[in-house]
All heavy atoms as atom14 arrays in JSON, in Angstrom:
{
  "sequence": "RYTIVEVQLMTGRHHQIRAQLSHAGAPIKGDLKY",
  "atom14_mask": [
    [1, 1, 1, 1, 1, 1, 1, 1, 1, 1, 1, 0, 0, 0],
    [1, 1, 1, 1, 1, 1, 1, 1, 1, 1, 1, 1, 0, 0],
    [1, 1, 1, 1, 1, 1, 1, 0, 0, 0, 0, 0, 0, 0],
    [1, 1, 1, 1, 1, 1, 1, 1, 0, 0, 0, 0, 0, 0],
    [1, 1, 1, 1, 1, 1, 1, 0, 0, 0, 0, 0, 0, 0],
    [1, 1, 1, 1, 1, 1, 1, 1, 1, 0, 0, 0, 0, 0],
    [1, 1, 1, 1, 1, 1, 1, 0, 0, 0, 0, 0, 0, 0],
    [1, 1, 1, 1, 1, 1, 1, 1, 1, 0, 0, 0, 0, 0],
    [1, 1, 1, 1, 1, 1, 1, 1, 0, 0, 0, 0, 0, 0],
    [1, 1, 1, 1, 1, 1, 1, 1, 0, 0, 0, 0, 0, 0],
    [1, 1, 1, 1, 1, 1, 1, 0, 0, 0, 0, 0, 0, 0],
    [1, 1, 1, 1, 0, 0, 0, 0, 0, 0, 0, 0, 0, 0],
    [1, 1, 1, 1, 1, 1, 1, 1, 1, 1, 1, 0, 0, 0],
    [1, 1, 1, 1, 1, 1, 1, 1, 1, 1, 0, 0, 0, 0],
    [1, 1, 1, 1, 1, 1, 1, 1, 1, 1, 0, 0, 0, 0],
    [1, 1, 1, 1, 1, 1, 1, 1, 1, 0, 0, 0, 0, 0],
    [1, 1, 1, 1, 1, 1, 1, 1, 0, 0, 0, 0, 0, 0],
    [1, 1, 1, 1, 1, 1, 1, 1, 1, 1, 1, 0, 0, 0],
    [1, 1, 1, 1, 1, 0, 0, 0, 0, 0, 0, 0, 0, 0],
    [1, 1, 1, 1, 1, 1, 1, 1, 1, 0, 0, 0, 0, 0],
    [1, 1, 1, 1, 1, 1, 1, 1, 0, 0, 0, 0, 0, 0],
    [1, 1, 1, 1, 1, 1, 0, 0, 0, 0, 0, 0, 0, 0],
    [1, 1, 1, 1, 1, 1, 1, 1, 1, 1, 0, 0, 0, 0],
    [1, 1, 1, 1, 1, 0, 0, 0, 0, 0, 0, 0, 0, 0],
    [1, 1, 1, 1, 0, 0, 0, 0, 0, 0, 0, 0, 0, 0],
    [1, 1, 1, 1, 1, 0, 0, 0, 0, 0, 0, 0, 0, 0],
    [1, 1, 1, 1, 1, 1, 1, 0, 0, 0, 0, 0, 0, 0],
    [1, 1, 1, 1, 1, 1, 1, 1, 0, 0, 0, 0, 0, 0],
    [1, 1, 1, 1, 1, 1, 1, 1, 1, 0, 0, 0, 0, 0],
    [1, 1, 1, 1, 0, 0, 0, 0, 0, 0, 0, 0, 0, 0],
    [1, 1, 1, 1, 1, 1, 1, 1, 0, 0, 0, 0, 0, 0],
    [1, 1, 1, 1, 1, 1, 1, 1, 0, 0, 0, 0, 0, 0],
    [1, 1, 1, 1, 1, 1, 1, 1, 1, 0, 0, 0, 0, 0],
    [1, 1, 1, 1, 1, 1, 1, 1, 1, 1, 1, 1, 0, 0]
  ],
  "atom14_positions": [
    [[103.59, 68.83, 4.55], [104.05, 69.53, 3.35], [103.92, 71.05, 3.43], [104.51, 71.75, 2.61], [103.26, 69.02, 2.14], [103.5, 67.56, 1.84], [102.47, 67.02, 0.85], [102.48, 67.74, -0.41], [101.55, 67.63, -1.34], [100.52, 66.82, -1.13], [101.63, 68.31, -2.46], [0.0, 0.0, 0.0], [0.0, 0.0, 0.0], [0.0, 0.0, 0.0]],
    [[103.16, 71.54, 4.4], [102.86, 72.97, 4.41], [103.01, 73.58, 5.79], [103.02, 72.87, 6.81], [101.44, 73.22, 3.9], [101.2, 72.72, 2.5], [100.47, 71.55, 2.28], [101.72, 73.39, 1.4], [100.26, 71.08, 0.99], [101.52, 72.93, 0.11], [100.79, 71.77, -0.09], [100.59, 71.31, -1.36], [0.0, 0.0, 0.0], [0.0, 0.0, 0.0]],
    [[103.13, 74.9, 5.8], [103.19, 75.67, 7.03], [101.96, 76.57, 7.09], [101.56, 77.16, 6.08], [104.46, 76.55, 7.07], [105.61, 75.69, 6.98], [104.55, 77.34, 8.36], [0.0, 0.0, 0.0], [0.0, 0.0, 0.0], [0.0, 0.0, 0.0], [0.0, 0.0, 0.0], [0.0, 0.0, 0.0], [0.0, 0.0, 0.0], [0.0, 0.0, 0.0]],
    [[101.36, 76.67, 8.27], [100.18, 77.52, 8.46], [100.61, 78.77, 9.21], [101.23, 78.7, 10.27], [99.08, 76.77, 9.25], [98.74, 75.45, 8.54], [97.83, 77.64, 9.39], [97.97, 74.47, 9.38], [0.0, 0.0, 0.0], [0.0, 0.0, 0.0], [0.0, 0.0, 0.0], [0.0, 0.0, 0.0], [0.0, 0.0, 0.0], [0.0, 0.0, 0.0]],
    [[100.31, 79.91, 8.62], [100.81, 81.18, 9.12], [99.65, 82.14, 9.4], [98.72, 82.24, 8.59], [101.76, 81.84, 8.09], [102.35, 83.14, 8.64], [102.89, 80.89, 7.71], [0.0, 0.0, 0.0], [0.0, 0.0, 0.0], [0.0, 0.0, 0.0], [0.0, 0.0, 0.0], [0.0, 0.0, 0.0], [0.0, 0.0, 0.0], [0.0, 0.0, 0.0]],
    [[99.71, 82.81, 10.54], [98.77, 83.89, 10.84], [99.46, 85.2, 10.48], [100.6, 85.44, 10.87], [98.38, 83.88, 12.31], [97.32, 84.91, 12.67], [96.96, 84.85, 14.14], [97.63, 85.52, 14.95], [96.01, 84.12, 14.48], [0.0, 0.0, 0.0], [0.0, 0.0, 0.0], [0.0, 0.0, 0.0], [0.0, 0.0, 0.0], [0.0, 0.0, 0.0]],
    [[98.76, 86.04, 9.72], [99.34, 87.28, 9.21], [98.48, 88.47, 9.63], [97.25, 88.41, 9.52], [99.44, 87.25, 7.67], [99.91, 88.6, 7.13], [100.37, 86.15, 7.2], [0.0, 0.0, 0.0], [0.0, 0.0, 0.0], [0.0, 0.0, 0.0], [0.0, 0.0, 0.0], [0.0, 0.0, 0.0], [0.0, 0.0, 0.0], [0.0, 0.0, 0.0]],
    [[99.13, 89.53, 10.1], [98.42, 90.78, 10.36], [98.97, 91.87, 9.46], [100.18, 92.11, 9.42], [98.57, 91.2, 11.83], [97.32, 90.88, 12.64], [97.26, 91.67, 13.92], [98.21, 91.72, 14.68], [96.11, 92.3, 14.16], [0.0, 0.0, 0.0], [0.0, 0.0, 0.0], [0.0, 0.0, 0.0], [0.0, 0.0, 0.0], [0.0, 0.0, 0.0]],
    [[98.09, 92.51, 8.72], [98.5, 93.57, 7.81], [98.72, 94.88, 8.55], [97.86, 95.31, 9.32], [97.43, 93.79, 6.73], [97.46, 92.86, 5.52], [96.3, 93.21, 4.6], [98.77, 92.95, 4.78], [0.0, 0.0, 0.0], [0.0, 0.0, 0.0], [0.0, 0.0, 0.0], [0.0, 0.0, 0.0], [0.0, 0.0, 0.0], [0.0, 0.0, 0.0]],
    [[99.84, 95.5, 8.3], [100.1, 96.84, 8.82], [99.85, 97.9, 7.75], [99.6, 99.06, 8.05], [101.56, 96.93, 9.32], [101.98, 95.79, 10.23], [100.92, 95.59, 11.68], [101.48, 96.99, 12.63], [0.0, 0.0, 0.0], [0.0, 0.0, 0.0], [0.0, 0.0, 0.0], [0.0, 0.0, 0.0], [0.0, 0.0, 0.0], [0.0, 0.0, 0.0]],
    [[99.97, 97.5, 6.49], [99.65, 98.37, 5.35], [98.73, 97.57, 4.42], [98.65, 96.35, 4.53], [100.91, 98.8, 4.58], [101.64, 97.63, 4.18], [101.8, 99.69, 5.42], [0.0, 0.0, 0.0], [0.0, 0.0, 0.0], [0.0, 0.0, 0.0], [0.0, 0.0, 0.0], [0.0, 0.0, 0.0], [0.0, 0.0, 0.0], [0.0, 0.0, 0.0]],
    [[98.07, 98.24, 3.52], [97.12, 97.56, 2.64], [97.47, 97.76, 1.18], [96.82, 98.53, 0.48], [0.0, 0.0, 0.0], [0.0, 0.0, 0.0], [0.0, 0.0, 0.0], [0.0, 0.0, 0.0], [0.0, 0.0, 0.0], [0.0, 0.0, 0.0], [0.0, 0.0, 0.0], [0.0, 0.0, 0.0], [0.0, 0.0, 0.0], [0.0, 0.0, 0.0]],
    [[98.46, 97.04, 0.7], [98.92, 97.18, -0.68], [98.33, 96.06, -1.56], [97.93, 95.0, -1.07], [100.44, 97.14, -0.77], [101.17, 98.09, 0.17], [100.78, 99.53, -0.04], [101.58, 100.42, 0.8], [101.28, 101.68, 1.04], [100.17, 102.21, 0.52], [102.05, 102.43, 1.8], [0.0, 0.0, 0.0], [0.0, 0.0, 0.0], [0.0, 0.0, 0.0]],
    [[98.36, 96.29, -2.86], [97.86, 95.32, -3.83], [98.65, 94.02, -3.73], [99.87, 94.01, -3.81], [98.01, 95.91, -5.24], [97.63, 94.99, -6.34], [98.57, 94.28, -7.07], [96.42, 94.64, -6.85], [97.94, 93.56, -7.99], [96.66, 93.76, -7.88], [0.0, 0.0, 0.0], [0.0, 0.0, 0.0], [0.0, 0.0, 0.0], [0.0, 0.0, 0.0]],
    [[97.93, 92.9, -3.51], [98.55, 91.57, -3.43], [99.68, 91.51, -2.39], [100.62, 90.72, -2.54], [99.1, 91.12, -4.79], [98.03, 90.81, -5.8], [98.33, 90.35, -7.07], [96.68, 90.89, -5.75], [97.21, 90.17, -7.75], [96.18, 90.51, -6.97], [0.0, 0.0, 0.0], [0.0, 0.0, 0.0], [0.0, 0.0, 0.0], [0.0, 0.0, 0.0]],
    [[99.57, 92.31, -1.36], [100.7, 92.46, -0.44], [101.12, 91.15, 0.23], [102.31, 90.79, 0.23], [100.36, 93.48, 0.65], [101.5, 93.68, 1.65], [101.15, 94.65, 2.77], [100.31, 95.52, 2.59], [101.79, 94.49, 3.91], [0.0, 0.0, 0.0], [0.0, 0.0, 0.0], [0.0, 0.0, 0.0], [0.0, 0.0, 0.0], [0.0, 0.0, 0.0]],
    [[100.17, 90.44, 0.83], [100.52, 89.2, 1.54], [101.1, 88.18, 0.56], [102.11, 87.53, 0.85], [99.29, 88.63, 2.26], [98.78, 89.6, 3.32], [99.62, 87.28, 2.9], [97.47, 89.17, 3.97], [0.0, 0.0, 0.0], [0.0, 0.0, 0.0], [0.0, 0.0, 0.0], [0.0, 0.0, 0.0], [0.0, 0.0, 0.0], [0.0, 0.0, 0.0]],
    [[100.47, 88.07, -0.58], [100.92, 87.11, -1.59], [102.35, 87.41, -2.03], [103.21, 86.51, -2.1], [99.97, 87.14, -2.78], [98.55, 86.8, -2.42], [97.55, 87.14, -3.53], [97.76, 86.33, -4.72], [97.01, 86.41, -5.82], [96.0, 87.27, -5.85], [97.26, 85.63, -6.85], [0.0, 0.0, 0.0], [0.0, 0.0, 0.0], [0.0, 0.0, 0.0]],
    [[102.62, 88.67, -2.32], [103.95, 89.06, -2.82], [105.01, 88.96, -1.73], [106.12, 88.47, -1.98], [103.88, 90.48, -3.38], [0.0, 0.0, 0.0], [0.0, 0.0, 0.0], [0.0, 0.0, 0.0], [0.0, 0.0, 0.0], [0.0, 0.0, 0.0], [0.0, 0.0, 0.0], [0.0, 0.0, 0.0], [0.0, 0.0, 0.0], [0.0, 0.0, 0.0]],
    [[104.7, 89.42, -0.52], [105.71, 89.43, 0.54], [106.06, 88.03, 1.01], [107.23, 87.71, 1.25], [105.24, 90.29, 1.71], [105.34, 91.79, 1.44], [105.21, 92.6, 2.7], [104.1, 92.83, 3.19], [106.33, 93.06, 3.24], [0.0, 0.0, 0.0], [0.0, 0.0, 0.0], [0.0, 0.0, 0.0], [0.0, 0.0, 0.0], [0.0, 0.0, 0.0]],
    [[105.06, 87.16, 1.17], [105.36, 85.79, 1.59], [106.18, 85.07, 0.53], [107.12, 84.34, 0.84], [104.08, 85.04, 1.9], [103.36, 85.43, 3.2], [102.05, 84.66, 3.34], [104.23, 85.19, 4.43], [0.0, 0.0, 0.0], [0.0, 0.0, 0.0], [0.0, 0.0, 0.0], [0.0, 0.0, 0.0], [0.0, 0.0, 0.0], [0.0, 0.0, 0.0]],
    [[105.83, 85.29, -0.73], [106.6, 84.68, -1.82], [108.05, 85.18, -1.8], [108.99, 84.39, -1.95], [105.95, 85.0, -3.16], [106.73, 84.52, -4.23], [0.0, 0.0, 0.0], [0.0, 0.0, 0.0], [0.0, 0.0, 0.0], [0.0, 0.0, 0.0], [0.0, 0.0, 0.0], [0.0, 0.0, 0.0], [0.0, 0.0, 0.0], [0.0, 0.0, 0.0]],
    [[108.22, 86.48, -1.61], [109.56, 87.07, -1.58], [110.37, 86.5, -0.41], [111.6, 86.38, -0.51], [109.44, 88.58, -1.44], [110.75, 89.3, -1.53], [111.45, 89.43, -2.71], [111.5, 89.94, -0.57], [112.57, 90.12, -2.48], [112.63, 90.43, -1.2], [0.0, 0.0, 0.0], [0.0, 0.0, 0.0], [0.0, 0.0, 0.0], [0.0, 0.0, 0.0]],
    [[109.67, 86.12, 0.67], [110.35, 85.54, 1.84], [110.61, 84.05, 1.67], [111.11, 83.39, 2.59], [109.51, 85.79, 3.09], [0.0, 0.0, 0.0], [0.0, 0.0, 0.0], [0.0, 0.0, 0.0], [0.0, 0.0, 0.0], [0.0, 0.0, 0.0], [0.0, 0.0, 0.0], [0.0, 0.0, 0.0], [0.0, 0.0, 0.0], [0.0, 0.0, 0.0]],
    [[110.27, 83.51, 0.49], [110.55, 82.1, 0.22], [109.43, 81.16, 0.57], [109.62, 79.94, 0.59], [0.0, 0.0, 0.0], [0.0, 0.0, 0.0], [0.0, 0.0, 0.0], [0.0, 0.0, 0.0], [0.0, 0.0, 0.0], [0.0, 0.0, 0.0], [0.0, 0.0, 0.0], [0.0, 0.0, 0.0], [0.0, 0.0, 0.0], [0.0, 0.0, 0.0]],
    [[108.24, 81.71, 0.86], [107.12, 80.87, 1.28], [105.84, 81.26, 0.52], [104.92, 81.85, 1.09], [106.9, 81.0, 2.79], [0.0, 0.0, 0.0], [0.0, 0.0, 0.0], [0.0, 0.0, 0.0], [0.0, 0.0, 0.0], [0.0, 0.0, 0.0], [0.0, 0.0, 0.0], [0.0, 0.0, 0.0], [0.0, 0.0, 0.0], [0.0, 0.0, 0.0]],
    [[105.77, 80.94, -0.79], [104.56, 81.29, -1.55], [103.32, 80.58, -1.01], [103.41, 79.48, -0.47], [104.89, 80.81, -2.97], [105.96, 79.79, -2.8], [106.75, 80.21, -1.6], [0.0, 0.0, 0.0], [0.0, 0.0, 0.0], [0.0, 0.0, 0.0], [0.0, 0.0, 0.0], [0.0, 0.0, 0.0], [0.0, 0.0, 0.0], [0.0, 0.0, 0.0]],
    [[102.18, 81.23, -1.15], [100.92, 80.67, -0.68], [100.52, 79.48, -1.55], [100.65, 79.51, -2.78], [99.83, 81.75, -0.68], [100.15, 82.82, 0.37], [98.45, 81.15, -0.38], [99.28, 84.05, 0.29], [0.0, 0.0, 0.0], [0.0, 0.0, 0.0], [0.0, 0.0, 0.0], [0.0, 0.0, 0.0], [0.0, 0.0, 0.0], [0.0, 0.0, 0.0]],
    [[100.04, 78.44, -0.91], [99.6, 77.24, -1.63], [98.59, 77.61, -2.71], [97.62, 78.31, -2.46], [98.98, 76.25, -0.64], [98.5, 74.95, -1.25], [97.91, 74.04, -0.19], [97.42, 72.73, -0.8], [96.29, 72.94, -1.74], [0.0, 0.0, 0.0], [0.0, 0.0, 0.0], [0.0, 0.0, 0.0], [0.0, 0.0, 0.0], [0.0, 0.0, 0.0]],
    [[98.85, 77.15, -3.92], [97.94, 77.37, -5.04], [98.17, 78.66, -5.8], [97.56, 78.88, -6.85], [0.0, 0.0, 0.0], [0.0, 0.0, 0.0], [0.0, 0.0, 0.0], [0.0, 0.0, 0.0], [0.0, 0.0, 0.0], [0.0, 0.0, 0.0], [0.0, 0.0, 0.0], [0.0, 0.0, 0.0], [0.0, 0.0, 0.0], [0.0, 0.0, 0.0]],
    [[99.06, 79.53, -5.3], [99.23, 80.86, -5.9], [100.32, 80.82, -6.98], [101.45, 81.27, -6.77], [99.58, 81.87, -4.81], [99.37, 83.3, -5.25], [98.98, 83.52, -6.42], [99.59, 84.22, -4.44], [0.0, 0.0, 0.0], [0.0, 0.0, 0.0], [0.0, 0.0, 0.0], [0.0, 0.0, 0.0], [0.0, 0.0, 0.0], [0.0, 0.0, 0.0]],
    [[99.95, 80.32, -8.15], [100.91, 80.19, -9.24], [101.53, 81.52, -9.63], [102.71, 81.59, -10.0], [100.23, 79.56, -10.47], [99.72, 78.13, -10.34], [99.07, 77.69, -11.63], [100.85, 77.18, -9.96], [0.0, 0.0, 0.0], [0.0, 0.0, 0.0], [0.0, 0.0, 0.0], [0.0, 0.0, 0.0], [0.0, 0.0, 0.0], [0.0, 0.0, 0.0]],
    [[100.74, 82.58, -9.54], [101.23, 83.91, -9.93], [102.43, 84.33, -9.11], [103.31, 85.05, -9.59], [100.1, 84.94, -9.79], [100.52, 86.36, -10.16], [99.32, 87.31, -10.2], [98.55, 87.16, -11.48], [97.59, 88.25, -11.71], [0.0, 0.0, 0.0], [0.0, 0.0, 0.0], [0.0, 0.0, 0.0], [0.0, 0.0, 0.0], [0.0, 0.0, 0.0]],
    [[102.51, 83.85, -7.88], [103.6, 84.24, -6.99], [104.49, 83.05, -6.59], [105.09, 83.04, -5.53], [103.05, 84.95, -5.75], [102.53, 86.34, -6.09], [101.18, 86.55, -6.36], [103.39, 87.43, -6.18], [100.7, 87.81, -6.69], [102.93, 88.69, -6.52], [101.58, 88.86, -6.77], [101.12, 90.12, -7.11], [0.0, 0.0, 0.0], [0.0, 0.0, 0.0]]
  ]
}
């Protein structure tokens, strides 16, 4: 049911990983906000 992703941050923005993965169509498991 899920995909496991390794992420490296190049910038450090507020909720960056959560927002960008959601925008790419892959929200983080459990992250209702995104």
